Protein backbone atom coordinates (compact mmCIF):
# COMPACT_ATOMS: atom_id res chain seq x y z
CA UNK A 1 67.46 -57.64 -28.95
CA UNK A 2 70.84 -55.80 -29.01
CA UNK A 3 70.87 -56.11 -32.64
CA UNK A 4 67.50 -54.75 -32.74
CA UNK A 5 68.85 -51.35 -30.66
CA UNK A 6 71.60 -51.10 -32.87
CA UNK A 7 69.59 -50.93 -35.95
CA UNK A 8 66.97 -48.51 -34.29
CA UNK A 9 67.41 -45.04 -36.09
CA UNK A 10 68.22 -42.14 -33.16
CA UNK A 11 65.00 -40.40 -33.61
CA UNK A 12 63.10 -43.57 -32.10
CA UNK A 13 65.57 -44.38 -29.76
CA UNK A 14 64.64 -40.50 -28.03
CA UNK A 15 61.10 -41.55 -28.18
CA UNK A 16 62.03 -45.06 -26.55
CA UNK A 17 63.95 -43.58 -23.88
CA UNK A 18 61.29 -40.73 -23.22
CA UNK A 19 58.42 -43.73 -23.21
CA UNK A 20 60.31 -45.71 -20.85
CA UNK A 21 61.08 -42.47 -18.40
CA UNK A 22 57.02 -41.99 -18.52
CA UNK A 23 56.54 -45.45 -17.90
CA UNK A 24 58.94 -45.23 -14.69
CA UNK A 25 57.15 -42.12 -13.43
CA UNK A 26 53.95 -43.49 -13.74
CA UNK A 27 54.82 -46.54 -12.06
CA UNK A 28 56.84 -44.62 -9.08
CA UNK A 29 52.98 -42.56 -8.48
CA UNK A 30 51.02 -45.80 -9.14
CA UNK A 31 50.97 -46.42 -5.26
CA UNK A 32 49.16 -43.17 -4.64
CA UNK A 33 46.35 -44.21 -6.98
CA UNK A 34 45.72 -47.34 -5.26
CA UNK A 35 45.77 -45.93 -2.07
CA UNK A 36 43.26 -43.27 -2.87
CA UNK A 37 41.44 -46.10 -4.36
CA UNK A 38 41.62 -48.10 -1.46
CA UNK A 39 40.71 -45.13 0.81
CA UNK A 40 38.08 -42.87 -1.25
CA UNK A 41 36.14 -45.33 -3.67
CA UNK A 42 37.14 -48.15 -5.57
CA UNK A 43 36.80 -46.09 -8.76
CA UNK A 44 38.24 -42.54 -9.00
CA UNK A 45 38.68 -40.35 -12.24
CA UNK A 46 42.42 -39.89 -11.74
CA UNK A 47 42.93 -43.71 -11.16
CA UNK A 48 41.05 -44.26 -14.42
CA UNK A 49 43.00 -41.14 -16.36
CA UNK A 50 46.29 -43.38 -14.79
CA UNK A 51 45.32 -46.46 -15.81
CA UNK A 52 44.28 -45.22 -19.64
CA UNK A 53 47.65 -43.98 -19.58
CA UNK A 54 49.51 -46.99 -18.55
CA UNK A 55 47.62 -48.63 -21.17
CA UNK A 56 48.40 -46.30 -23.92
CA UNK A 57 51.75 -46.12 -23.09
CA UNK A 58 52.47 -49.62 -22.83
CA UNK A 59 50.61 -50.42 -26.17
CA UNK A 60 52.40 -47.64 -28.10
CA UNK A 61 55.63 -48.83 -26.85
CA UNK A 62 54.97 -52.12 -27.98
CA UNK A 63 53.78 -51.33 -31.69
CA UNK A 64 56.99 -49.08 -31.51
CA UNK A 65 59.68 -51.71 -30.89
CA UNK A 66 57.47 -54.12 -33.23
CA UNK A 67 57.96 -51.61 -36.34
CA UNK A 68 54.03 -51.32 -36.71
CA UNK A 69 52.76 -48.59 -39.06
CA UNK A 70 50.30 -47.83 -36.74
CA UNK A 71 52.38 -46.93 -34.11
CA UNK A 72 53.46 -43.84 -35.50
CA UNK A 73 50.55 -41.60 -34.82
CA UNK A 74 50.73 -43.10 -31.48
CA UNK A 75 54.10 -42.13 -30.68
CA UNK A 76 53.14 -38.53 -31.77
CA UNK A 77 50.27 -38.38 -29.63
CA UNK A 78 52.21 -39.64 -26.65
CA UNK A 79 54.98 -37.28 -27.44
CA UNK A 80 52.02 -34.50 -27.39
CA UNK A 81 52.17 -34.93 -23.55
CA UNK A 82 55.21 -32.79 -23.23
CA UNK A 83 53.12 -29.90 -24.09
CA UNK A 84 51.45 -29.48 -20.90
CA UNK A 85 54.76 -30.07 -19.14
CA UNK A 86 55.73 -26.67 -20.38
CA UNK A 87 53.68 -24.47 -18.28
CA UNK A 88 53.79 -26.79 -15.19
CA UNK A 89 57.83 -26.52 -15.27
CA UNK A 90 57.57 -23.04 -15.79
CA UNK A 91 55.23 -23.02 -13.02
CA UNK A 92 57.39 -24.90 -10.74
CA UNK A 93 61.00 -24.34 -11.84
CA UNK A 94 60.60 -21.07 -13.70
CA UNK A 95 62.19 -20.14 -16.85
CA UNK A 96 64.86 -23.16 -16.78
CA UNK A 97 62.33 -25.50 -16.49
CA UNK A 98 60.09 -24.32 -19.16
CA UNK A 99 63.43 -24.37 -21.20
CA UNK A 100 63.92 -27.59 -20.71
CA UNK A 101 60.52 -28.71 -21.42
CA UNK A 102 60.77 -27.01 -24.87
CA UNK A 103 64.15 -29.02 -25.56
CA UNK A 104 62.29 -32.11 -24.81
CA UNK A 105 59.34 -31.45 -26.83
CA UNK A 106 61.08 -30.17 -29.59
CA UNK A 107 63.51 -32.96 -29.53
CA UNK A 108 60.91 -35.80 -29.53
CA UNK A 109 58.91 -33.98 -32.45
CA UNK A 110 61.93 -33.31 -34.58
CA UNK A 111 63.00 -36.76 -33.94
CA UNK A 112 59.76 -38.47 -34.97
CA UNK A 113 59.47 -36.49 -38.31
CA UNK A 114 62.73 -37.42 -39.30
CA UNK A 115 62.70 -39.70 -42.68
CA UNK A 116 64.69 -42.67 -40.82
CA UNK A 117 62.36 -42.67 -38.13
CA UNK A 118 59.16 -42.31 -40.54
CA UNK A 119 60.89 -45.72 -42.16
CA UNK A 120 61.19 -47.28 -39.16
CA UNK A 121 57.79 -48.12 -38.88
CA UNK A 122 57.53 -50.37 -41.94
CA UNK A 123 55.30 -53.31 -40.41
CA UNK A 124 51.53 -53.24 -41.68
């Protein structure tokens, strides 16, 4: 696994770190979703969205690590979650939050568009 990580382009490493951080955030907020499902009703719209996000996240991360061609568009789709983060951080943290979110979005999209990152997705 360590040799696999060393051979990975820097752009893919940036995406994997982003996806793992997003996975940690989803995991930390999951007890709130479960509590809401137990207290209110078994199926809540927020719970359905959260489970879809979790499934999409795990599926995309798995395909990226397997170097599948389908993972490229899925990873770009997952990177678009940084776009709503910009106004959210702007409202909660002000200009520094918006700038941080812009830097994160720019780094993700630039790293995924790099030629070395595109070549990473070579498996059919």
